[in-house]
Amino acid sequence: MITEQEFADVLQALSRTLPRFKPWDSTAMALAWMTFPEKAKQDLTREVWLYAAGQRRLDPDPQEDVPLDLQLLNYVFRNENGRANVE
């Protein structure tokens, strides 16, 4: 299970290292956590979340029309119709 702090730490660091991103403020982070799929919170570990962040940094063609936190799900869950299927 990923904690809210682990979720936030990885997203904060990732948003600071990607081109064309700005760091998230506390309001944006709170919204991302509250709307993040509950099953993903239960299934993810810190290591898997970090792996997803690393894959996003390496991706030459990320889904930029999807919020950053949801983009990371594509690297650890099966994709169906272009989106991560968390179920």
PDB file of N, CA and C in Angstrom:
ATOM      1  N   MET A   1       0.840  -1.180   0.000  1.00  0.00           N
ATOM      2  CA  MET A   1       0.000   0.000   0.000  1.00  0.00           C
ATOM      3  C   MET A   1       0.887   1.247   0.000  1.00  0.00           C
ATOM      4  N   ILE A   2       0.537   2.183  -0.834  1.00  0.00           N
ATOM      5  CA  ILE A   2       1.288   3.433  -0.883  1.00  0.00           C
ATOM      6  C   ILE A   2       0.651   4.427   0.093  1.00  0.00           C
ATOM      7  N   THR A   3       1.493   5.174   0.763  1.00  0.00           N
ATOM      8  CA  THR A   3       0.974   6.189   1.681  1.00  0.00           C
ATOM      9  C   THR A   3       0.799   7.509   0.942  1.00  0.00           C
ATOM     10  N   GLU A   4       0.030   8.382   1.548  1.00  0.00           N
ATOM     11  CA  GLU A   4      -0.176   9.700   0.949  1.00  0.00           C
ATOM     12  C   GLU A   4       1.148  10.449   0.826  1.00  0.00           C
ATOM     13  N   GLN A   5       2.021  10.289   1.808  1.00  0.00           N
ATOM     14  CA  GLN A   5       3.317  10.982   1.775  1.00  0.00           C
ATOM     15  C   GLN A   5       4.197  10.445   0.643  1.00  0.00           C
ATOM     16  N   GLU A   6       4.228   9.126   0.459  1.00  0.00           N
ATOM     17  CA  GLU A   6       5.011   8.538  -0.633  1.00  0.00           C
ATOM     18  C   GLU A   6       4.467   8.974  -1.987  1.00  0.00           C
ATOM     19  N   PHE A   7       3.162   8.981  -2.108  1.00  0.00           N
ATOM     20  CA  PHE A   7       2.497   9.454  -3.323  1.00  0.00           C
ATOM     21  C   PHE A   7       2.939  10.881  -3.638  1.00  0.00           C
ATOM     22  N   ALA A   8       2.838  11.746  -2.636  1.00  0.00           N
ATOM     23  CA  ALA A   8       3.162  13.161  -2.818  1.00  0.00           C
ATOM     24  C   ALA A   8       4.649  13.383  -3.090  1.00  0.00           C
ATOM     25  N   ASP A   9       5.516  12.699  -2.358  1.00  0.00           N
ATOM     26  CA  ASP A   9       6.954  12.884  -2.543  1.00  0.00           C
ATOM     27  C   ASP A   9       7.385  12.567  -3.968  1.00  0.00           C
ATOM     28  N   VAL A  10       6.898  11.467  -4.505  1.00  0.00           N
ATOM     29  CA  VAL A  10       7.286  11.058  -5.858  1.00  0.00           C
ATOM     30  C   VAL A  10       6.728  12.039  -6.888  1.00  0.00           C
ATOM     31  N   LEU A  11       5.467  12.415  -6.744  1.00  0.00           N
ATOM     32  CA  LEU A  11       4.886  13.357  -7.707  1.00  0.00           C
ATOM     33  C   LEU A  11       5.557  14.720  -7.641  1.00  0.00           C
ATOM     34  N   GLN A  12       5.875  15.169  -6.441  1.00  0.00           N
ATOM     35  CA  GLN A  12       6.534  16.464  -6.292  1.00  0.00           C
ATOM     36  C   GLN A  12       7.912  16.449  -6.973  1.00  0.00           C
ATOM     37  N   ALA A  13       8.674  15.394  -6.714  1.00  0.00           N
ATOM     38  CA  ALA A  13       9.996  15.289  -7.332  1.00  0.00           C
ATOM     39  C   ALA A  13       9.883  15.150  -8.847  1.00  0.00           C
ATOM     40  N   LEU A  14       8.961  14.335  -9.299  1.00  0.00           N
ATOM     41  CA  LEU A  14       8.804  14.123 -10.736  1.00  0.00           C
ATOM     42  C   LEU A  14       8.370  15.403 -11.433  1.00  0.00           C
ATOM     43  N   SER A  15       7.434  16.126 -10.853  1.00  0.00           N
ATOM     44  CA  SER A  15       6.967  17.356 -11.497  1.00  0.00           C
ATOM     45  C   SER A  15       8.071  18.408 -11.577  1.00  0.00           C
ATOM     46  N   ARG A  16       9.039  18.326 -10.685  1.00  0.00           N
ATOM     47  CA  ARG A  16      10.162  19.268 -10.719  1.00  0.00           C
ATOM     48  C   ARG A  16      11.225  18.881 -11.739  1.00  0.00           C
ATOM     49  N   THR A  17      11.242  17.620 -12.164  1.00  0.00           N
ATOM     50  CA  THR A  17      12.301  17.167 -13.065  1.00  0.00           C
ATOM     51  C   THR A  17      11.860  17.031 -14.514  1.00  0.00           C
ATOM     52  N   LEU A  18      10.562  17.059 -14.763  1.00  0.00           N
ATOM     53  CA  LEU A  18      10.080  16.929 -16.141  1.00  0.00           C
ATOM     54  C   LEU A  18      10.016  18.300 -16.816  1.00  0.00           C
ATOM     55  N   PRO A  19      10.336  18.342 -18.092  1.00  0.00           N
ATOM     56  CA  PRO A  19      10.206  19.605 -18.818  1.00  0.00           C
ATOM     57  C   PRO A  19       8.743  20.044 -18.870  1.00  0.00           C
ATOM     58  N   ARG A  20       8.511  21.324 -18.853  1.00  0.00           N
ATOM     59  CA  ARG A  20       7.181  21.926 -18.990  1.00  0.00           C
ATOM     60  C   ARG A  20       6.237  21.607 -17.836  1.00  0.00           C
ATOM     61  N   PHE A  21       6.760  21.179 -16.701  1.00  0.00           N
ATOM     62  CA  PHE A  21       5.927  20.951 -15.525  1.00  0.00           C
ATOM     63  C   PHE A  21       6.329  21.921 -14.442  1.00  0.00           C
ATOM     64  N   LYS A  22       5.381  22.290 -13.625  1.00  0.00           N
ATOM     65  CA  LYS A  22       5.692  23.105 -12.463  1.00  0.00           C
ATOM     66  C   LYS A  22       5.326  22.292 -11.222  1.00  0.00           C
ATOM     67  N   PRO A  23       5.999  22.550 -10.117  1.00  0.00           N
ATOM     68  CA  PRO A  23       5.686  21.803  -8.888  1.00  0.00           C
ATOM     69  C   PRO A  23       4.228  21.989  -8.481  1.00  0.00           C
ATOM     70  N   TRP A  24       3.657  20.938  -7.948  1.00  0.00           N
ATOM     71  CA  TRP A  24       2.275  20.990  -7.507  1.00  0.00           C
ATOM     72  C   TRP A  24       2.194  21.662  -6.146  1.00  0.00           C
ATOM     73  N   ASP A  25       1.162  22.466  -5.950  1.00  0.00           N
ATOM     74  CA  ASP A  25       0.946  23.037  -4.628  1.00  0.00           C
ATOM     75  C   ASP A  25       0.143  22.036  -3.783  1.00  0.00           C
ATOM     76  N   SER A  26      -0.072  22.368  -2.529  1.00  0.00           N
ATOM     77  CA  SER A  26      -0.726  21.425  -1.618  1.00  0.00           C
ATOM     78  C   SER A  26      -2.170  21.138  -2.029  1.00  0.00           C
ATOM     79  N   THR A  27      -2.832  22.113  -2.616  1.00  0.00           N
ATOM     80  CA  THR A  27      -4.213  21.905  -3.051  1.00  0.00           C
ATOM     81  C   THR A  27      -4.280  20.909  -4.201  1.00  0.00           C
ATOM     82  N   ALA A  28      -3.401  21.057  -5.177  1.00  0.00           N
ATOM     83  CA  ALA A  28      -3.361  20.127  -6.305  1.00  0.00           C
ATOM     84  C   ALA A  28      -3.001  18.720  -5.836  1.00  0.00           C
ATOM     85  N   MET A  29      -2.057  18.627  -4.911  1.00  0.00           N
ATOM     86  CA  MET A  29      -1.646  17.325  -4.397  1.00  0.00           C
ATOM     87  C   MET A  29      -2.791  16.657  -3.635  1.00  0.00           C
ATOM     88  N   ALA A  30      -3.506  17.428  -2.841  1.00  0.00           N
ATOM     89  CA  ALA A  30      -4.634  16.881  -2.085  1.00  0.00           C
ATOM     90  C   ALA A  30      -5.715  16.367  -3.031  1.00  0.00           C
ATOM     91  N   LEU A  31      -6.011  17.133  -4.079  1.00  0.00           N
ATOM     92  CA  LEU A  31      -7.012  16.692  -5.045  1.00  0.00           C
ATOM     93  C   LEU A  31      -6.562  15.413  -5.740  1.00  0.00           C
ATOM     94  N   ALA A  32      -5.310  15.355  -6.143  1.00  0.00           N
ATOM     95  CA  ALA A  32      -4.795  14.156  -6.811  1.00  0.00           C
ATOM     96  C   ALA A  32      -4.934  12.938  -5.903  1.00  0.00           C
ATOM     97  N   TRP A  33      -4.587  13.076  -4.628  1.00  0.00           N
ATOM     98  CA  TRP A  33      -4.675  11.951  -3.688  1.00  0.00           C
ATOM     99  C   TRP A  33      -6.128  11.529  -3.474  1.00  0.00           C
ATOM    100  N   MET A  34      -7.020  12.492  -3.298  1.00  0.00           N
ATOM    101  CA  MET A  34      -8.425  12.175  -3.026  1.00  0.00           C
ATOM    102  C   MET A  34      -9.116  11.517  -4.216  1.00  0.00           C
ATOM    103  N   THR A  35      -8.686  11.831  -5.428  1.00  0.00           N
ATOM    104  CA  THR A  35      -9.330  11.284  -6.619  1.00  0.00           C
ATOM    105  C   THR A  35      -8.565  10.113  -7.230  1.00  0.00           C
ATOM    106  N   PHE A  36      -7.423   9.767  -6.665  1.00  0.00           N
ATOM    107  CA  PHE A  36      -6.621   8.646  -7.160  1.00  0.00           C
ATOM    108  C   PHE A  36      -7.387   7.351  -6.876  1.00  0.00           C
ATOM    109  N   PRO A  37      -7.392   6.409  -7.808  1.00  0.00           N
ATOM    110  CA  PRO A  37      -8.160   5.172  -7.600  1.00  0.00           C
ATOM    111  C   PRO A  37      -7.752   4.438  -6.311  1.00  0.00           C
ATOM    112  N   GLU A  38      -8.743   4.097  -5.514  1.00  0.00           N
ATOM    113  CA  GLU A  38      -8.488   3.429  -4.231  1.00  0.00           C
ATOM    114  C   GLU A  38      -7.761   2.099  -4.416  1.00  0.00           C
ATOM    115  N   LYS A  39      -8.118   1.353  -5.442  1.00  0.00           N
ATOM    116  CA  LYS A  39      -7.449   0.073  -5.684  1.00  0.00           C
ATOM    117  C   LYS A  39      -5.972   0.280  -5.989  1.00  0.00           C
ATOM    118  N   ALA A  40      -5.654   1.335  -6.703  1.00  0.00           N
ATOM    119  CA  ALA A  40      -4.250   1.635  -6.998  1.00  0.00           C
ATOM    120  C   ALA A  40      -3.509   1.972  -5.707  1.00  0.00           C
ATOM    121  N   LYS A  41      -4.131   2.734  -4.814  1.00  0.00           N
ATOM    122  CA  LYS A  41      -3.502   3.039  -3.523  1.00  0.00           C
ATOM    123  C   LYS A  41      -3.179   1.759  -2.766  1.00  0.00           C
ATOM    124  N   GLN A  42      -4.090   0.798  -2.828  1.00  0.00           N
ATOM    125  CA  GLN A  42      -3.894  -0.464  -2.117  1.00  0.00           C
ATOM    126  C   GLN A  42      -2.831  -1.345  -2.776  1.00  0.00           C
ATOM    127  N   ASP A  43      -2.817  -1.367  -4.103  1.00  0.00           N
ATOM    128  CA  ASP A  43      -1.923  -2.275  -4.839  1.00  0.00           C
ATOM    129  C   ASP A  43      -0.493  -1.752  -4.980  1.00  0.00           C
ATOM    130  N   LEU A  44      -0.319  -0.453  -5.030  1.00  0.00           N
ATOM    131  CA  LEU A  44       1.015   0.108  -5.257  1.00  0.00           C
ATOM    132  C   LEU A  44       1.861   0.083  -3.997  1.00  0.00           C
ATOM    133  N   THR A  45       3.154  -0.080  -4.201  1.00  0.00           N
ATOM    134  CA  THR A  45       4.133   0.069  -3.124  1.00  0.00           C
ATOM    135  C   THR A  45       5.026   1.250  -3.488  1.00  0.00           C
ATOM    136  N   ARG A  46       5.812   1.675  -2.548  1.00  0.00           N
ATOM    137  CA  ARG A  46       6.744   2.784  -2.811  1.00  0.00           C
ATOM    138  C   ARG A  46       7.668   2.439  -3.976  1.00  0.00           C
ATOM    139  N   GLU A  47       8.165   1.216  -3.999  1.00  0.00           N
ATOM    140  CA  GLU A  47       9.097   0.791  -5.044  1.00  0.00           C
ATOM    141  C   GLU A  47       8.437   0.806  -6.418  1.00  0.00           C
ATOM    142  N   VAL A  48       7.209   0.328  -6.499  1.00  0.00           N
ATOM    143  CA  VAL A  48       6.491   0.314  -7.780  1.00  0.00           C
ATOM    144  C   VAL A  48       6.181   1.734  -8.221  1.00  0.00           C
ATOM    145  N   TRP A  49       5.811   2.601  -7.287  1.00  0.00           N
ATOM    146  CA  TRP A  49       5.516   4.001  -7.597  1.00  0.00           C
ATOM    147  C   TRP A  49       6.773   4.696  -8.126  1.00  0.00           C
ATOM    148  N   LEU A  50       7.914   4.418  -7.514  1.00  0.00           N
ATOM    149  CA  LEU A  50       9.180   4.975  -8.000  1.00  0.00           C
ATOM    150  C   LEU A  50       9.533   4.425  -9.380  1.00  0.00           C
ATOM    151  N   TYR A  51       9.281   3.133  -9.588  1.00  0.00           N
ATOM    152  CA  TYR A  51       9.515   2.535 -10.896  1.00  0.00           C
ATOM    153  C   TYR A  51       8.687   3.259 -11.963  1.00  0.00           C
ATOM    154  N   ALA A  52       7.405   3.499 -11.667  1.00  0.00           N
ATOM    155  CA  ALA A  52       6.530   4.187 -12.618  1.00  0.00           C
ATOM    156  C   ALA A  52       7.055   5.588 -12.922  1.00  0.00           C
ATOM    157  N   ALA A  53       7.534   6.280 -11.904  1.00  0.00           N
ATOM    158  CA  ALA A  53       8.093   7.620 -12.110  1.00  0.00           C
ATOM    159  C   ALA A  53       9.322   7.554 -13.014  1.00  0.00           C
ATOM    160  N   GLY A  54      10.159   6.559 -12.796  1.00  0.00           N
ATOM    161  CA  GLY A  54      11.337   6.391 -13.645  1.00  0.00           C
ATOM    162  C   GLY A  54      10.965   6.090 -15.083  1.00  0.00           C
ATOM    163  N   GLN A  55       9.950   5.270 -15.278  1.00  0.00           N
ATOM    164  CA  GLN A  55       9.498   4.961 -16.633  1.00  0.00           C
ATOM    165  C   GLN A  55       8.926   6.204 -17.318  1.00  0.00           C
ATOM    166  N   ARG A  56       8.214   7.024 -16.551  1.00  0.00           N
ATOM    167  CA  ARG A  56       7.662   8.264 -17.124  1.00  0.00           C
ATOM    168  C   ARG A  56       8.775   9.194 -17.577  1.00  0.00           C
ATOM    169  N   ARG A  57       9.847   9.250 -16.795  1.00  0.00           N
ATOM    170  CA  ARG A  57      10.985  10.104 -17.183  1.00  0.00           C
ATOM    171  C   ARG A  57      11.639   9.621 -18.462  1.00  0.00           C
ATOM    172  N   LEU A  58      11.606   8.326 -18.706  1.00  0.00           N
ATOM    173  CA  LEU A  58      12.245   7.747 -19.892  1.00  0.00           C
ATOM    174  C   LEU A  58      11.335   7.705 -21.117  1.00  0.00           C
ATOM    175  N   ASP A  59      10.056   7.879 -20.930  1.00  0.00           N
ATOM    176  CA  ASP A  59       9.086   7.725 -22.011  1.00  0.00           C
ATOM    177  C   ASP A  59       9.250   8.833 -23.056  1.00  0.00           C
ATOM    178  N   PRO A  60       9.531   8.453 -24.308  1.00  0.00           N
ATOM    179  CA  PRO A  60       9.701   9.473 -25.349  1.00  0.00           C
ATOM    180  C   PRO A  60       8.377  10.055 -25.845  1.00  0.00           C
ATOM    181  N   ASP A  61       7.266   9.393 -25.531  1.00  0.00           N
ATOM    182  CA  ASP A  61       5.961   9.853 -26.016  1.00  0.00           C
ATOM    183  C   ASP A  61       4.887   9.630 -24.944  1.00  0.00           C
ATOM    184  N   PRO A  62       4.970  10.357 -23.828  1.00  0.00           N
ATOM    185  CA  PRO A  62       3.993  10.157 -22.747  1.00  0.00           C
ATOM    186  C   PRO A  62       2.626  10.713 -23.122  1.00  0.00           C
ATOM    187  N   GLN A  63       1.611  10.266 -22.408  1.00  0.00           N
ATOM    188  CA  GLN A  63       0.241  10.751 -22.624  1.00  0.00           C
ATOM    189  C   GLN A  63       0.081  12.090 -21.927  1.00  0.00           C
ATOM    190  N   GLU A  64       0.438  13.147 -22.580  1.00  0.00           N
ATOM    191  CA  GLU A  64       0.443  14.460 -21.954  1.00  0.00           C
ATOM    192  C   GLU A  64      -0.947  15.040 -21.745  1.00  0.00           C
ATOM    193  N   ASP A  65      -1.971  14.408 -22.288  1.00  0.00           N
ATOM    194  CA  ASP A  65      -3.337  14.880 -22.082  1.00  0.00           C
ATOM    195  C   ASP A  65      -3.975  14.265 -20.827  1.00  0.00           C
ATOM    196  N   VAL A  66      -3.187  13.504 -20.085  1.00  0.00           N
ATOM    197  CA  VAL A  66      -3.647  12.841 -18.865  1.00  0.00           C
ATOM    198  C   VAL A  66      -2.877  13.434 -17.689  1.00  0.00           C
ATOM    199  N   PRO A  67      -3.534  13.672 -16.548  1.00  0.00           N
ATOM    200  CA  PRO A  67      -2.813  14.193 -15.384  1.00  0.00           C
ATOM    201  C   PRO A  67      -1.623  13.292 -15.004  1.00  0.00           C
ATOM    202  N   LEU A  68      -0.592  13.903 -14.488  1.00  0.00           N
ATOM    203  CA  LEU A  68       0.653  13.198 -14.200  1.00  0.00           C
ATOM    204  C   LEU A  68       0.450  11.975 -13.316  1.00  0.00           C
ATOM    205  N   ASP A  69      -0.326  12.093 -12.255  1.00  0.00           N
ATOM    206  CA  ASP A  69      -0.516  10.943 -11.363  1.00  0.00           C
ATOM    207  C   ASP A  69      -1.163   9.770 -12.095  1.00  0.00           C
ATOM    208  N   LEU A  70      -2.082  10.058 -13.000  1.00  0.00           N
ATOM    209  CA  LEU A  70      -2.744   8.990 -13.755  1.00  0.00           C
ATOM    210  C   LEU A  70      -1.865   8.461 -14.885  1.00  0.00           C
ATOM    211  N   GLN A  71      -0.951   9.294 -15.392  1.00  0.00           N
ATOM    212  CA  GLN A  71       0.011   8.805 -16.384  1.00  0.00           C
ATOM    213  C   GLN A  71       0.832   7.667 -15.800  1.00  0.00           C
ATOM    214  N   LEU A  72       1.220   7.798 -14.542  1.00  0.00           N
ATOM    215  CA  LEU A  72       2.079   6.787 -13.924  1.00  0.00           C
ATOM    216  C   LEU A  72       1.416   5.420 -13.859  1.00  0.00           C
ATOM    217  N   LEU A  73       0.105   5.400 -13.774  1.00  0.00           N
ATOM    218  CA  LEU A  73      -0.609   4.123 -13.727  1.00  0.00           C
ATOM    219  C   LEU A  73      -0.386   3.313 -14.991  1.00  0.00           C
ATOM    220  N   ASN A  74      -0.154   3.989 -16.111  1.00  0.00           N
ATOM    221  CA  ASN A  74       0.057   3.283 -17.384  1.00  0.00           C
ATOM    222  C   ASN A  74       1.310   2.417 -17.376  1.00  0.00           C
ATOM    223  N   TYR A  75       2.240   2.699 -16.498  1.00  0.00           N
ATOM    224  CA  TYR A  75       3.495   1.947 -16.476  1.00  0.00           C
ATOM    225  C   TYR A  75       3.434   0.717 -15.577  1.00  0.00           C
ATOM    226  N   VAL A  76       2.354   0.584 -14.809  1.00  0.00           N
ATOM    227  CA  VAL A  76       2.288  -0.547 -13.875  1.00  0.00           C
ATOM    228  C   VAL A  76       1.001  -1.366 -13.966  1.00  0.00           C
ATOM    229  N   PHE A  77       0.009  -0.870 -14.685  1.00  0.00           N
ATOM    230  CA  PHE A  77      -1.229  -1.616 -14.882  1.00  0.00           C
ATOM    231  C   PHE A  77      -1.433  -1.865 -16.370  1.00  0.00           C
ATOM    232  N   ARG A  78      -2.158  -2.920 -16.672  1.00  0.00           N
ATOM    233  CA  ARG A  78      -2.454  -3.252 -18.065  1.00  0.00           C
ATOM    234  C   ARG A  78      -3.240  -2.107 -18.704  1.00  0.00           C
ATOM    235  N   ASN A  79      -2.899  -1.803 -19.927  1.00  0.00           N
ATOM    236  CA  ASN A  79      -3.583  -0.728 -20.665  1.00  0.00           C
ATOM    237  C   ASN A  79      -4.692  -1.324 -21.521  1.00  0.00           C
ATOM    238  N   GLU A  80      -5.849  -0.684 -21.458  1.00  0.00           N
ATOM    239  CA  GLU A  80      -6.968  -1.049 -22.297  1.00  0.00           C
ATOM    240  C   GLU A  80      -7.540   0.227 -22.895  1.00  0.00           C
ATOM    241  N   ASN A  81      -7.630   0.262 -24.182  1.00  0.00           N
ATOM    242  CA  ASN A  81      -8.127   1.454 -24.889  1.00  0.00           C
ATOM    243  C   ASN A  81      -7.325   2.698 -24.543  1.00  0.00           C
ATOM    244  N   GLY A  82      -6.018   2.528 -24.397  1.00  0.00           N
ATOM    245  CA  GLY A  82      -5.142   3.661 -24.147  1.00  0.00           C
ATOM    246  C   GLY A  82      -5.111   4.161 -22.719  1.00  0.00           C
ATOM    247  N   ARG A  83      -5.750   3.478 -21.803  1.00  0.00           N
ATOM    248  CA  ARG A  83      -5.770   3.899 -20.384  1.00  0.00           C
ATOM    249  C   ARG A  83      -5.465   2.709 -19.488  1.00  0.00           C
ATOM    250  N   ALA A  84      -4.916   3.020 -18.330  1.00  0.00           N
ATOM    251  CA  ALA A  84      -4.611   1.963 -17.365  1.00  0.00           C
ATOM    252  C   ALA A  84      -5.899   1.392 -16.799  1.00  0.00           C
ATOM    253  N   ASN A  85      -5.980   0.066 -16.757  1.00  0.00           N
ATOM    254  CA  ASN A  85      -7.117  -0.610 -16.146  1.00  0.00           C
ATOM    255  C   ASN A  85      -6.700  -1.035 -14.747  1.00  0.00           C
ATOM    256  N   VAL A  86      -7.055  -0.245 -13.764  1.00  0.00           N
ATOM    257  CA  VAL A  86      -6.645  -0.497 -12.383  1.00  0.00           C
ATOM    258  C   VAL A  86      -7.382  -1.688 -11.799  1.00  0.00           C
ATOM    259  N   GLU A  87      -8.560  -1.959 -12.287  1.00  0.00           N
ATOM    260  CA  GLU A  87      -9.350  -3.090 -11.770  1.00  0.00           C
ATOM    261  C   GLU A  87      -8.738  -4.392 -12.200  1.00  0.00           C
TER     262      GLU A  87
END
